N, C-alpha and C. Protein backbone atom coordinates (compact mmCIF):
# COMPACT_ATOMS: atom_id res chain seq x y z
N MET A 1 -67.39 19.17 79.67
CA MET A 1 -66.05 18.98 79.82
C MET A 1 -66.15 17.49 79.11
N ALA A 2 -64.97 17.47 77.89
CA ALA A 2 -64.83 16.30 77.48
C ALA A 2 -63.60 15.36 78.32
N THR A 3 -64.17 14.00 78.44
CA THR A 3 -63.06 13.14 79.36
C THR A 3 -61.81 12.90 78.78
N GLN A 4 -60.69 12.60 79.30
CA GLN A 4 -59.47 12.28 78.75
C GLN A 4 -59.60 11.24 77.56
N GLU A 5 -60.57 10.20 77.55
CA GLU A 5 -60.44 9.19 76.75
C GLU A 5 -61.27 9.95 75.25
N GLY A 6 -62.49 10.39 75.36
CA GLY A 6 -62.58 11.37 74.51
C GLY A 6 -62.05 12.25 73.90
N ALA A 7 -61.16 12.96 74.27
CA ALA A 7 -60.34 13.98 73.91
C ALA A 7 -59.44 13.28 73.14
N ALA A 8 -58.87 11.98 73.47
CA ALA A 8 -58.11 11.07 72.89
C ALA A 8 -58.34 10.57 71.48
N ALA A 9 -59.66 10.41 71.03
CA ALA A 9 -60.59 9.93 70.24
C ALA A 9 -59.79 10.41 68.87
N PRO A 10 -59.83 11.91 68.80
CA PRO A 10 -59.11 12.63 67.35
C PRO A 10 -57.93 12.34 67.14
N ALA A 11 -57.07 12.18 67.97
CA ALA A 11 -55.50 11.98 68.02
C ALA A 11 -55.57 10.82 67.46
N TRP A 12 -56.40 9.60 68.45
CA TRP A 12 -56.08 8.14 68.16
C TRP A 12 -56.56 7.92 66.11
N ALA A 13 -57.50 8.29 65.99
CA ALA A 13 -58.07 8.94 64.37
C ALA A 13 -56.99 9.01 63.66
N ARG A 14 -56.16 10.29 64.14
CA ARG A 14 -55.23 10.66 63.03
C ARG A 14 -53.81 9.76 62.99
N VAL A 15 -53.71 8.83 63.94
CA VAL A 15 -52.76 7.98 64.23
C VAL A 15 -53.00 6.91 63.47
N VAL A 16 -54.32 6.39 63.32
CA VAL A 16 -54.80 5.33 62.39
C VAL A 16 -54.51 5.68 60.76
N GLU A 17 -55.07 6.97 60.67
CA GLU A 17 -54.74 7.73 59.42
C GLU A 17 -53.56 7.41 58.99
N ALA A 18 -52.51 7.94 60.00
CA ALA A 18 -51.27 8.19 59.65
C ALA A 18 -50.42 6.74 59.43
N VAL A 19 -50.63 5.68 60.28
CA VAL A 19 -50.21 4.07 60.14
C VAL A 19 -50.60 3.85 58.76
N ASP A 20 -52.14 4.00 58.44
CA ASP A 20 -52.71 3.44 57.46
C ASP A 20 -51.99 3.90 56.03
N ALA A 21 -51.43 4.92 56.07
CA ALA A 21 -50.76 5.65 54.93
C ALA A 21 -49.06 5.28 54.88
N MET A 22 -48.84 4.48 55.16
CA MET A 22 -47.20 4.13 55.65
C MET A 22 -46.86 3.09 54.79
N SER A 23 -45.78 3.21 54.02
CA SER A 23 -45.12 2.03 53.20
C SER A 23 -45.24 0.91 54.09
N ASP A 24 -45.11 -0.14 53.35
CA ASP A 24 -44.60 -1.45 54.01
C ASP A 24 -43.06 -1.38 55.00
N ALA A 25 -42.38 -0.56 54.21
CA ALA A 25 -40.86 -0.27 54.75
C ALA A 25 -40.78 0.49 56.09
N ASP A 26 -41.91 1.39 56.04
CA ASP A 26 -42.01 2.45 57.00
C ASP A 26 -42.97 1.68 58.23
N LEU A 27 -43.40 0.75 57.94
CA LEU A 27 -44.23 -0.14 58.82
C LEU A 27 -43.36 -0.84 59.82
N GLY A 28 -42.37 -1.45 58.91
CA GLY A 28 -41.39 -2.33 59.51
C GLY A 28 -40.59 -1.67 60.19
N ALA A 29 -40.24 -0.16 59.77
CA ALA A 29 -39.11 0.36 60.76
C ALA A 29 -39.90 0.96 61.91
N MET A 30 -41.01 1.21 62.26
CA MET A 30 -41.73 1.38 63.37
C MET A 30 -41.78 0.08 64.09
N HIS A 31 -41.98 -0.87 63.16
CA HIS A 31 -42.24 -2.50 64.25
C HIS A 31 -40.62 -2.43 65.15
N GLU A 32 -39.86 -1.95 64.26
CA GLU A 32 -38.32 -2.42 64.63
C GLU A 32 -38.21 -1.03 65.90
N MET A 33 -38.52 0.12 65.72
CA MET A 33 -38.55 1.07 66.81
C MET A 33 -39.01 0.51 67.90
N ALA A 34 -40.02 0.16 67.82
CA ALA A 34 -41.09 -0.33 68.91
C ALA A 34 -40.44 -1.55 69.79
N ARG A 35 -39.72 -2.45 69.26
CA ARG A 35 -38.95 -3.71 69.54
C ARG A 35 -37.92 -3.12 70.23
N TRP A 36 -37.07 -2.51 69.49
CA TRP A 36 -35.65 -1.66 70.55
C TRP A 36 -36.19 -0.89 71.59
N SER A 37 -37.14 -0.30 71.37
CA SER A 37 -37.57 0.78 72.67
C SER A 37 -37.86 0.19 73.92
N ARG A 38 -38.94 -1.25 73.65
CA ARG A 38 -39.03 -2.00 74.49
C ARG A 38 -37.87 -2.71 75.44
N ALA A 39 -36.66 -2.46 74.70
CA ALA A 39 -35.52 -3.53 75.65
C ALA A 39 -34.63 -2.32 75.63
N ASN A 40 -34.61 -1.23 75.24
CA ASN A 40 -33.77 -0.44 75.47
C ASN A 40 -34.12 0.98 76.52
N LEU A 41 -35.01 1.50 76.57
CA LEU A 41 -35.84 2.33 77.10
C LEU A 41 -35.66 2.10 78.63
N PRO A 42 -35.64 3.32 79.16
CA PRO A 42 -35.77 2.90 80.83
C PRO A 42 -37.24 3.19 80.94
N PRO A 43 -37.37 2.33 82.12
CA PRO A 43 -38.86 2.43 82.84
C PRO A 43 -39.70 3.68 82.98
N THR A 44 -39.04 4.69 83.40
CA THR A 44 -39.39 5.88 83.31
C THR A 44 -40.28 6.46 82.24
N LEU A 45 -39.71 5.86 80.81
CA LEU A 45 -40.23 6.01 79.59
C LEU A 45 -41.25 5.13 79.26
N VAL A 46 -42.29 4.70 80.09
CA VAL A 46 -43.17 3.48 79.58
C VAL A 46 -44.31 3.77 78.75
N CYS A 47 -44.68 4.96 78.96
CA CYS A 47 -45.45 5.66 78.14
C CYS A 47 -45.35 5.66 76.57
N LEU A 48 -44.33 6.06 76.50
CA LEU A 48 -43.70 6.17 75.43
C LEU A 48 -43.58 4.87 74.63
N VAL A 49 -43.18 3.95 75.24
CA VAL A 49 -43.02 2.54 74.94
C VAL A 49 -44.26 2.12 74.66
N ASP A 50 -45.32 2.24 75.53
CA ASP A 50 -46.68 1.58 75.32
C ASP A 50 -47.22 2.37 74.06
N ALA A 51 -46.83 3.45 73.63
CA ALA A 51 -47.44 4.18 72.57
C ALA A 51 -47.11 3.50 71.40
N LEU A 52 -45.56 3.46 71.38
CA LEU A 52 -44.93 2.35 70.14
C LEU A 52 -45.74 1.25 70.11
N ASP A 53 -45.80 0.60 70.88
CA ASP A 53 -46.28 -0.90 70.82
C ASP A 53 -47.69 -0.56 70.10
N ALA A 54 -48.83 0.01 70.73
CA ALA A 54 -49.70 0.27 70.31
C ALA A 54 -49.84 0.56 68.42
N VAL A 55 -48.85 1.43 68.05
CA VAL A 55 -48.57 1.62 66.72
C VAL A 55 -47.70 0.47 65.99
N ARG A 56 -47.46 -0.23 66.49
CA ARG A 56 -46.64 -1.40 66.15
C ARG A 56 -47.74 -2.59 65.86
N ASP A 57 -48.74 -2.56 66.98
CA ASP A 57 -49.63 -3.47 66.57
C ASP A 57 -51.12 -3.20 65.76
N LEU A 58 -50.86 -1.90 65.38
CA LEU A 58 -51.67 -1.13 64.39
C LEU A 58 -51.11 -1.41 63.00
N GLY A 59 -49.73 -1.17 62.93
CA GLY A 59 -49.19 -1.48 61.47
C GLY A 59 -49.22 -3.05 61.32
N VAL A 60 -49.36 -3.79 62.15
CA VAL A 60 -49.28 -5.22 61.91
C VAL A 60 -50.68 -5.46 61.43
N ALA A 61 -51.71 -4.95 61.76
CA ALA A 61 -53.35 -5.10 61.55
C ALA A 61 -53.50 -4.47 59.93
N VAL A 62 -52.62 -3.17 59.77
CA VAL A 62 -53.00 -2.58 58.48
C VAL A 62 -52.02 -3.38 57.70
N LEU A 63 -51.03 -4.10 57.75
CA LEU A 63 -50.48 -5.35 56.87
C LEU A 63 -51.40 -6.23 56.44
N ALA A 64 -51.78 -6.89 57.53
CA ALA A 64 -52.61 -7.97 57.48
C ALA A 64 -54.05 -7.45 56.54
N ASP A 65 -54.22 -6.61 56.56
CA ASP A 65 -55.56 -5.98 55.91
C ASP A 65 -55.22 -5.63 54.30
N ARG A 66 -54.13 -5.45 54.34
CA ARG A 66 -53.39 -4.83 52.94
C ARG A 66 -53.33 -6.05 52.23
N TYR A 67 -52.55 -6.96 52.77
CA TYR A 67 -52.69 -8.32 52.08
C TYR A 67 -53.58 -9.49 52.29
N GLY A 68 -54.59 -9.20 52.78
CA GLY A 68 -55.40 -10.16 52.91
C GLY A 68 -55.15 -11.30 53.63
N VAL A 69 -54.41 -11.20 54.80
CA VAL A 69 -54.00 -12.53 55.38
C VAL A 69 -54.22 -12.07 56.81
N THR A 70 -53.99 -13.08 57.72
CA THR A 70 -54.23 -12.70 59.41
C THR A 70 -53.27 -12.10 60.11
N VAL A 71 -53.86 -11.37 60.90
CA VAL A 71 -52.50 -10.79 62.27
C VAL A 71 -51.55 -11.90 62.51
N GLU A 72 -52.02 -12.80 62.86
CA GLU A 72 -50.84 -14.18 63.53
C GLU A 72 -50.11 -14.43 61.87
N GLN A 73 -50.38 -14.51 60.90
CA GLN A 73 -49.61 -14.58 59.78
C GLN A 73 -48.54 -13.65 59.66
N VAL A 74 -48.71 -12.45 59.79
CA VAL A 74 -48.10 -11.27 59.63
C VAL A 74 -47.10 -11.31 60.75
N GLU A 75 -47.43 -11.95 61.97
CA GLU A 75 -46.80 -11.90 63.13
C GLU A 75 -45.63 -13.01 62.88
N ALA A 76 -45.94 -14.20 62.14
CA ALA A 76 -45.20 -15.34 62.03
C ALA A 76 -44.33 -15.08 61.04
N GLU A 77 -44.43 -14.50 60.02
CA GLU A 77 -43.53 -13.78 58.85
C GLU A 77 -42.56 -12.97 59.51
N ILE A 78 -42.76 -11.97 60.50
CA ILE A 78 -41.95 -10.98 61.22
C ILE A 78 -41.14 -12.05 62.30
N ALA A 79 -41.56 -12.82 62.85
CA ALA A 79 -40.75 -13.82 63.63
C ALA A 79 -39.72 -14.60 63.19
N ALA A 80 -40.15 -14.98 61.82
CA ALA A 80 -39.63 -16.01 60.96
C ALA A 80 -38.18 -15.13 60.51
N VAL A 81 -38.51 -13.85 60.24
CA VAL A 81 -37.03 -12.91 59.63
C VAL A 81 -36.39 -12.50 60.89
N LEU A 82 -36.91 -12.09 61.83
CA LEU A 82 -36.11 -11.69 63.40
C LEU A 82 -35.29 -13.49 63.53
N ALA A 83 -35.98 -13.94 63.33
CA ALA A 83 -35.21 -15.94 63.70
C ALA A 83 -33.81 -15.79 63.07
N GLU A 84 -33.88 -15.38 61.43
CA GLU A 84 -33.19 -15.62 60.62
C GLU A 84 -31.88 -14.66 60.72
N GLY A 85 -32.48 -13.63 61.65
CA GLY A 85 -31.20 -12.34 62.02
C GLY A 85 -31.39 -11.16 61.41
N GLY A 86 -32.64 -11.10 60.54
CA GLY A 86 -32.62 -9.74 60.09
C GLY A 86 -33.68 -9.11 60.80
N GLU A 87 -33.94 -7.47 60.18
CA GLU A 87 -34.58 -6.74 60.97
C GLU A 87 -36.08 -6.69 60.32
N SER A 88 -37.01 -6.48 61.18
CA SER A 88 -38.76 -6.34 60.97
C SER A 88 -38.50 -5.12 59.83
N VAL A 89 -37.79 -4.72 59.00
CA VAL A 89 -38.13 -3.86 58.12
C VAL A 89 -38.48 -4.05 56.66
N GLY A 90 -39.51 -3.71 56.19
CA GLY A 90 -39.97 -4.27 54.94
C GLY A 90 -40.62 -5.63 54.41
């Protein structure tokens, strides 16, 4: 019988593939959705919020790889945009 972790591996691989195929704007929208959910969804939905956070983190890593920069540089750019009152889309 497969372990829960082992059974999740193919699903996680599909998530990685889907996130990698997203446009920059789509990755930004996912980041915004994760940020919104963390602030607004009830604690009973913590597993959904955690999943969105994981996809957000993966999206940041994809952008860093796509543009040849570090994750820290992408996060700093997102923080700068948000500090200016913008959304983390695009």
